[in-house]
Amino acid sequence: MPTLYVENLPEDLYEALRTRAREHGKSISAEVTSLLRENVPTPDELARRRSLLQCALRLRARRPRSTRRFPTAEEMQREDRLR
């Protein structure tokens, strides 16, 4: 497994990492790894996101099955009062 060293880390950032790691019951290294996993997408994750986007765009491009317009909230209230 590759090793990553970070030099010249600002003191306030290091303290924030240490505090966060302590709150989660992890080492600083484990906390940094967790943050990287959550925030840096892998090529597989990027492919999954592209696939999801394509699916959403296809769904958006489909024509609605009904040409009927939906009533506004005011129209539905008025209809309900007239019953």
Protein backbone atom coordinates (compact mmCIF):
# COMPACT_ATOMS: atom_id res chain seq x y z
CA MET A 1 0.00 0.00 0.00
CA PRO A 2 1.44 3.42 -0.92
CA THR A 3 2.43 5.88 1.78
CA LEU A 4 1.66 9.59 1.64
CA TYR A 5 3.67 12.19 3.56
CA VAL A 6 2.43 15.75 3.91
CA GLU A 7 4.91 18.48 4.74
CA ASN A 8 4.36 22.04 5.92
CA LEU A 9 0.83 21.40 7.17
CA PRO A 10 -0.52 24.51 8.92
CA GLU A 11 -0.71 24.09 12.69
CA ASP A 12 -4.42 24.97 12.88
CA LEU A 13 -5.28 22.35 10.25
CA TYR A 14 -3.24 19.72 12.06
CA GLU A 15 -5.00 20.53 15.33
CA ALA A 16 -8.40 20.32 13.60
CA LEU A 17 -7.44 16.91 12.19
CA ARG A 18 -6.25 15.71 15.57
CA THR A 19 -9.46 16.88 17.26
CA ARG A 20 -11.62 15.26 14.59
CA ALA A 21 -9.66 11.99 14.80
CA ARG A 22 -10.03 11.95 18.59
CA GLU A 23 -13.81 12.56 18.29
CA HIS A 24 -14.12 9.62 15.89
CA GLY A 25 -11.83 7.36 17.89
CA LYS A 26 -9.26 7.11 15.09
CA SER A 27 -5.63 7.92 14.52
CA ILE A 28 -4.85 11.02 12.50
CA SER A 29 -3.73 8.81 9.63
CA ALA A 30 -7.00 6.83 9.69
CA GLU A 31 -9.01 10.06 9.84
CA VAL A 32 -7.16 11.53 6.84
CA THR A 33 -7.71 8.28 4.91
CA SER A 34 -11.41 8.42 5.77
CA LEU A 35 -11.67 12.04 4.62
CA LEU A 36 -9.89 11.24 1.37
CA ARG A 37 -12.22 8.28 0.71
CA GLU A 38 -15.26 10.50 1.24
CA ASN A 39 -14.03 13.43 -0.85
CA VAL A 40 -11.75 12.16 -3.64
CA PRO A 41 -13.60 10.08 -6.22
CA THR A 42 -11.85 7.09 -7.77
CA PRO A 43 -12.10 6.33 -11.51
CA ASP A 44 -14.79 3.71 -10.72
CA GLU A 45 -16.78 6.28 -8.72
CA LEU A 46 -16.49 8.83 -11.54
CA ALA A 47 -17.74 6.22 -14.04
CA ARG A 48 -20.67 5.41 -11.75
CA ARG A 49 -21.53 9.11 -11.46
CA ARG A 50 -21.36 9.58 -15.26
CA SER A 51 -23.65 6.59 -15.73
CA LEU A 52 -26.12 7.98 -13.20
CA LEU A 53 -26.04 11.39 -14.89
CA GLN A 54 -26.70 9.82 -18.31
CA CYS A 55 -29.64 7.89 -16.86
CA ALA A 56 -31.05 11.07 -15.30
CA LEU A 57 -30.66 12.98 -18.56
CA ARG A 58 -32.47 10.21 -20.48
CA LEU A 59 -35.34 10.29 -17.98
CA ARG A 60 -35.52 14.07 -18.20
CA ALA A 61 -35.63 13.99 -22.00
CA ARG A 62 -38.57 11.58 -22.11
CA ARG A 63 -41.87 13.12 -23.02
CA PRO A 64 -44.56 13.09 -20.37
CA ARG A 65 -47.16 10.37 -20.92
CA SER A 66 -50.02 12.71 -20.17
CA THR A 67 -50.74 15.97 -21.92
CA ARG A 68 -53.19 16.88 -19.18
CA ARG A 69 -52.18 19.86 -17.10
CA PHE A 70 -52.19 19.57 -13.33
CA PRO A 71 -54.43 21.96 -11.38
CA THR A 72 -52.86 24.68 -9.25
CA ALA A 73 -53.24 24.65 -5.47
CA GLU A 74 -55.80 27.45 -5.71
CA GLU A 75 -57.87 25.50 -8.24
CA MET A 76 -57.87 22.41 -6.02
CA GLN A 77 -58.94 24.46 -2.98
CA ARG A 78 -61.71 26.13 -4.95
CA GLU A 79 -62.94 22.75 -6.22
CA ASP A 80 -62.89 21.36 -2.68
CA ARG A 81 -64.94 24.31 -1.35
CA LEU A 82 -67.57 23.84 -4.05
CA ARG A 83 -68.27 20.25 -2.97
